[in-house]
Protein backbone atom coordinates (compact mmCIF):
# COMPACT_ATOMS: atom_id res chain seq x y z
CA MET A 1 -20.25 -4.54 10.93
CA LYS A 2 -21.22 -2.48 7.89
CA VAL A 3 -20.26 1.21 8.00
CA LEU A 4 -21.18 4.15 5.78
CA ILE A 5 -18.82 7.15 5.71
CA VAL A 6 -19.99 10.64 4.78
CA GLU A 7 -16.99 12.96 4.38
CA ASP A 8 -16.31 15.45 1.58
CA GLU A 9 -12.57 15.97 2.25
CA LYS A 10 -10.57 13.15 0.64
CA ILE A 11 -7.60 13.42 3.00
CA ALA A 12 -9.91 13.31 6.04
CA ALA A 13 -11.87 10.42 4.54
CA ASP A 14 -8.75 8.38 3.80
CA ARG A 15 -7.41 9.00 7.33
CA LEU A 16 -10.75 8.00 8.87
CA ILE A 17 -10.94 4.82 6.80
CA LYS A 18 -7.38 3.89 7.86
CA MET A 19 -8.23 4.35 11.56
CA VAL A 20 -11.49 2.43 11.26
CA ILE A 21 -9.78 -0.58 9.66
CA GLU A 22 -6.96 -0.51 12.22
CA LEU A 23 -9.46 -0.51 15.08
CA GLU A 24 -11.91 -2.99 13.59
CA PRO A 25 -10.37 -5.05 10.72
CA SER A 26 -13.66 -6.92 10.21
CA ILE A 27 -15.57 -3.74 9.34
CA GLU A 28 -17.00 -3.49 5.82
CA ILE A 29 -17.04 0.08 4.50
CA LEU A 30 -20.06 0.22 2.21
CA ALA A 31 -19.37 3.59 0.60
CA THR A 32 -17.73 6.96 1.10
CA LEU A 33 -20.13 9.77 0.22
CA VAL A 34 -19.36 13.47 -0.16
CA SER A 35 -22.66 15.38 -0.11
CA ILE A 36 -26.19 15.61 1.27
CA LYS A 37 -27.65 14.62 -2.11
CA SER A 38 -25.45 11.56 -2.62
CA THR A 39 -26.15 10.41 0.96
CA VAL A 40 -29.92 10.76 0.60
CA ASP A 41 -29.82 8.93 -2.74
CA TRP A 42 -27.69 6.13 -1.23
CA LEU A 43 -29.92 5.71 1.84
CA ASN A 44 -33.03 5.60 -0.36
CA SER A 45 -31.51 2.91 -2.57
CA ASN A 46 -29.71 0.60 -0.12
CA PRO A 47 -30.34 -1.35 3.08
CA SER A 48 -29.46 0.56 6.24
CA PRO A 49 -25.83 0.27 7.40
CA ASP A 50 -25.05 -0.73 10.98
CA LEU A 51 -23.33 2.59 11.67
CA ILE A 52 -22.73 5.92 9.93
CA LEU A 53 -19.65 8.14 10.37
CA MET A 54 -20.83 11.55 9.18
CA ASP A 55 -19.10 14.90 8.77
CA ILE A 56 -21.39 17.81 9.63
CA ASN A 57 -20.19 20.43 7.14
CA LEU A 58 -20.49 19.08 3.60
CA ALA A 59 -20.03 20.84 0.27
CA ASP A 60 -23.79 21.31 -0.23
CA GLY A 61 -24.72 22.19 3.37
CA GLN A 62 -24.90 20.78 6.87
CA SER A 63 -25.58 17.06 7.05
CA PHE A 64 -28.42 17.62 9.56
CA LYS A 65 -30.59 18.29 6.49
CA ILE A 66 -30.32 14.61 5.59
CA PHE A 67 -32.52 13.67 8.56
CA SER A 68 -35.44 15.76 7.26
CA MET A 69 -35.13 14.28 3.76
CA VAL A 70 -34.87 10.55 4.49
CA THR A 71 -35.46 8.20 7.41
CA VAL A 72 -32.07 7.39 8.94
CA LYS A 73 -32.31 4.08 10.79
CA ALA A 74 -28.66 3.68 11.79
CA PRO A 75 -26.85 5.29 14.74
CA VAL A 76 -24.49 8.10 13.73
CA ILE A 77 -21.06 9.20 14.93
CA PHE A 78 -20.66 12.83 13.84
CA THR A 79 -17.27 14.30 12.95
CA THR A 80 -16.56 18.01 12.64
CA ALA A 81 -13.89 20.67 13.00
CA TYR A 82 -16.24 22.78 15.17
CA ASP A 83 -17.85 22.15 18.56
CA GLU A 84 -20.79 24.51 18.02
CA HIS A 85 -23.03 21.78 16.55
CA ALA A 86 -22.94 19.37 19.49
CA LEU A 87 -26.46 20.12 20.75
CA GLU A 88 -28.00 19.81 17.30
CA ALA A 89 -26.14 16.53 16.71
CA PHE A 90 -27.68 14.94 19.76
CA LYS A 91 -31.17 15.87 18.59
CA VAL A 92 -30.84 13.27 15.84
CA ASN A 93 -29.40 9.73 15.78
CA SER A 94 -26.05 10.70 17.27
CA ILE A 95 -24.28 8.34 19.65
CA ASP A 96 -21.09 10.42 19.68
CA TYR A 97 -19.57 13.67 18.44
CA LEU A 98 -15.87 13.74 17.53
CA LEU A 99 -13.82 16.86 16.87
CA LYS A 100 -11.29 16.89 14.04
CA PRO A 101 -8.51 15.94 13.87
CA ILE A 102 -9.99 12.71 15.17
CA LYS A 103 -7.86 10.79 17.66
CA LYS A 104 -7.78 7.00 17.47
CA ASP A 105 -8.59 6.55 21.17
CA GLU A 106 -11.66 8.79 20.83
CA LEU A 107 -12.87 6.82 17.82
CA LYS A 108 -12.29 3.62 19.77
CA ARG A 109 -14.46 4.88 22.65
CA ALA A 110 -17.16 5.84 20.15
CA PHE A 111 -17.10 2.30 18.72
CA GLU A 112 -17.36 0.90 22.25
CA LYS A 113 -20.41 3.10 22.87
CA PHE A 114 -21.92 1.80 19.63
CA GLN A 115 -21.25 -1.78 20.72
CA THR A 116 -23.11 -1.14 23.97
CA LEU A 117 -26.06 0.12 21.96
CA SER A 118 -25.85 -2.89 19.64
CA ASP A 119 -26.11 -5.23 22.61
CA MET A 120 -29.64 -3.94 23.22
CA SER A 121 -32.51 -5.69 21.51
CA ALA A 122 -33.17 -4.54 17.95
CA LYS A 123 -36.68 -3.50 18.96
CA LYS A 124 -35.37 -1.24 21.72
CA ILE A 125 -32.86 0.42 19.37
CA GLU A 126 -35.61 1.04 16.80
CA SER A 127 -37.80 2.55 19.51
CA ILE A 128 -35.01 4.91 20.64
CA LEU A 129 -34.25 6.06 17.09
CA LYS A 130 -37.96 6.64 16.34
CA ILE A 131 -38.17 8.92 19.36
CA LEU A 132 -35.02 10.77 18.30
CA ASN A 133 -36.34 11.25 14.76
CA VAL A 134 -39.74 12.52 15.94
CA GLN A 135 -38.10 14.94 18.37
CA SER A 136 -35.79 16.33 15.69
CA LYS A 137 -38.32 16.75 12.92
CA GLU A 138 -39.97 20.13 12.44
CA PHE A 139 -43.73 19.80 12.07
CA GLN A 140 -46.07 22.42 10.65
CA LYS A 141 -47.09 25.02 13.25
CA ARG A 142 -50.01 26.65 11.46
CA ILE A 143 -52.27 26.06 8.49
CA VAL A 144 -53.58 28.55 5.93
CA ILE A 145 -57.36 28.49 5.47
CA ARG A 146 -59.01 29.92 2.36
CA TYR A 147 -62.77 30.39 2.15
CA GLY A 148 -64.34 32.80 -0.33
CA ASP A 149 -62.10 35.87 -0.54
CA THR A 150 -60.84 35.36 3.00
CA ILE A 151 -57.45 33.94 3.95
CA LYS A 152 -56.87 33.01 7.58
CA MET A 153 -54.07 31.37 9.55
CA VAL A 154 -54.95 28.83 12.22
CA GLU A 155 -52.41 27.55 14.73
CA ILE A 156 -52.12 23.76 14.53
CA GLU A 157 -52.42 23.51 18.32
CA GLU A 158 -55.90 25.06 18.02
CA ALA A 159 -57.10 22.14 15.86
CA ALA A 160 -59.19 19.62 17.81
CA TYR A 161 -59.56 17.35 14.81
CA PHE A 162 -59.56 17.12 11.01
CA TYR A 163 -62.21 15.17 9.11
CA THR A 164 -63.62 14.44 5.68
CA LYS A 165 -67.30 14.81 4.81
CA ASP A 166 -68.87 14.70 1.34
CA LYS A 167 -65.35 14.65 -0.16
CA ILE A 168 -64.43 17.94 1.55
CA ASN A 169 -61.74 18.16 4.24
CA TYR A 170 -62.36 20.22 7.36
CA LEU A 171 -60.54 21.48 10.43
CA CYS A 172 -62.54 21.83 13.65
CA THR A 173 -61.03 24.05 16.36
CA PHE A 174 -61.45 23.65 20.11
CA GLN A 175 -63.87 26.59 19.88
CA ASP A 176 -66.02 24.42 17.56
CA VAL A 177 -65.33 26.57 14.51
CA LYS A 178 -65.06 24.57 11.29
CA TYR A 179 -62.97 25.54 8.26
CA PRO A 180 -62.46 23.80 4.91
CA VAL A 181 -58.80 22.90 4.29
CA ASP A 182 -56.88 22.30 1.07
CA HIS A 183 -54.91 19.34 2.45
CA ASN A 184 -56.39 15.85 2.38
CA LEU A 185 -55.94 13.56 5.39
CA ASP A 186 -53.05 11.67 3.77
CA GLU A 187 -51.14 14.94 3.39
CA LEU A 188 -52.05 16.08 6.89
CA GLU A 189 -50.60 12.90 8.39
CA HIS A 190 -47.16 13.97 7.13
CA ILE A 191 -47.25 17.56 8.43
CA LEU A 192 -48.85 16.99 11.85
CA ASN A 193 -46.84 15.95 14.90
CA PRO A 194 -47.66 12.25 15.45
CA SER A 195 -47.19 12.61 19.19
CA MET A 196 -50.21 14.95 19.20
CA PHE A 197 -52.38 13.76 16.28
CA PHE A 198 -53.56 10.29 15.30
CA ARG A 199 -55.59 9.13 12.30
CA ILE A 200 -58.26 6.92 13.85
CA ASN A 201 -59.90 5.93 10.54
CA ARG A 202 -60.20 7.07 6.93
CA GLN A 203 -62.30 10.09 7.88
CA PHE A 204 -60.71 11.46 11.08
CA ILE A 205 -57.42 12.71 12.51
CA VAL A 206 -57.78 13.68 16.18
CA ASN A 207 -55.75 15.78 18.60
CA ILE A 208 -55.05 13.87 21.82
CA LYS A 209 -56.28 16.89 23.80
CA ALA A 210 -59.67 16.63 22.09
CA ILE A 211 -60.38 13.15 23.47
CA GLU A 212 -62.91 13.53 26.28
CA LYS A 213 -63.88 9.89 26.77
CA MET A 214 -63.23 6.46 25.23
CA LEU A 215 -65.60 3.51 25.11
CA ALA A 216 -64.91 -0.14 24.31
CA TRP A 217 -66.64 -1.02 21.04
CA SER A 218 -67.29 -4.13 19.00
CA LYS A 219 -64.48 -6.05 17.24
CA SER A 220 -61.86 -4.71 19.70
CA ARG A 221 -62.45 -1.18 18.48
CA VAL A 222 -62.63 2.04 20.49
CA LYS A 223 -65.31 4.72 20.24
CA ILE A 224 -64.06 8.23 21.03
CA VAL A 225 -66.11 11.07 22.46
CA LEU A 226 -64.54 14.30 21.22
CA ARG A 227 -64.50 17.83 22.59
CA PRO A 228 -66.05 19.66 20.82
CA PRO A 229 -68.52 16.91 19.82
CA SER A 230 -68.58 15.55 16.28
CA GLU A 231 -71.74 14.89 14.31
CA GLU A 232 -70.02 11.91 12.70
CA ASP A 233 -69.15 8.61 14.37
CA THR A 234 -65.59 8.64 15.67
CA ILE A 235 -64.63 5.00 16.01
CA VAL A 236 -61.03 3.78 15.75
CA SER A 237 -60.88 1.27 12.91
CA THR A 238 -60.03 -2.36 13.67
CA GLU A 239 -56.63 -2.22 11.95
CA ARG A 240 -55.67 1.03 13.71
CA SER A 241 -56.83 0.09 17.21
CA PRO A 242 -53.57 -1.59 18.38
CA HIS A 243 -51.51 1.40 17.15
CA PHE A 244 -54.00 3.79 18.76
CA LYS A 245 -53.53 2.16 22.16
CA GLU A 246 -49.73 2.43 21.79
CA TRP A 247 -50.09 6.08 20.73
CA LEU A 248 -52.09 6.87 23.89
CA THR A 249 -49.11 5.77 25.98
CA GLY A 250 -46.74 8.01 24.00
CA ASN A 251 -45.29 5.24 21.84
CA VAL A 252 -45.17 7.03 18.47
CA SER A 253 -44.78 4.74 15.43
C-alpha cells in the first residue's frame, strides 16, 4: 500500500510515520508534505496514492482547500488537534477523522476501515469518490450579464439552458428571456453543477429541469424538447449519448 502523509509539524509527522510502519510494515510512504501548495503540486505531478493521511491545519491554511484545487482520487484519513472540523471532513474523501495525539488503536481501526473500502471494486470506489467530490465542490450560484450599459445578475437556477449561435453565447431563462454571456460553453462546464447541467453537444448545455420530452433519434442519439422551446435543434451528440443517459439517472461523471 502506498501512503502520502500531509503534516506540517515534524514531531507529529515522525510519530505518525513510526506508528504507520509498526502497524503495516509493508506500507510505502511516498512523501511527507507540509503545505497546501506542496500537496497540490505533488498530486498534479504523481500517480494517486492508495491512501492519504492529512492534517487539517497546515501552515498555509486548512487542507480542505486542496480539494477545490486538484482532483483527489484517494481516500483520506484526516488528523487534527480539534474536533470542530469533523462535518467538513466528511464532505470530502474522508474515511476517518482522528484527533491528536493519535492513538495506535484508533489508527489501526482507520486502516481496517480503509481495507474494507479497498475490498470493494475499483469502479465502485471511484463512483463513491466522484459523488463526494461533486457534493463538496462549490459551484457558481449566479452569473453577471452585461448588455449595453446594463449589468444584471441572473441566478444560475433560473437558467434553462446555455447555447451558442453565430459565435455568441447566450443564456435562456425559464421565462424565455435570452441574455448574451461572456463565458463560452467550455468555461461554463466548469462553473455549473454537473448534477443539474449537461452539455448535450457543442452548442448546448441544458438544465435537467428544462427537459420536457425526449425522443429516440438516429444513430442511438436522443432529441430533446426543451421548455422553453429552442429555435435550434437540440440533439444529444453520438459520443455524448451514453454519458447523457447515465446523467439522467444521477450518475455524474
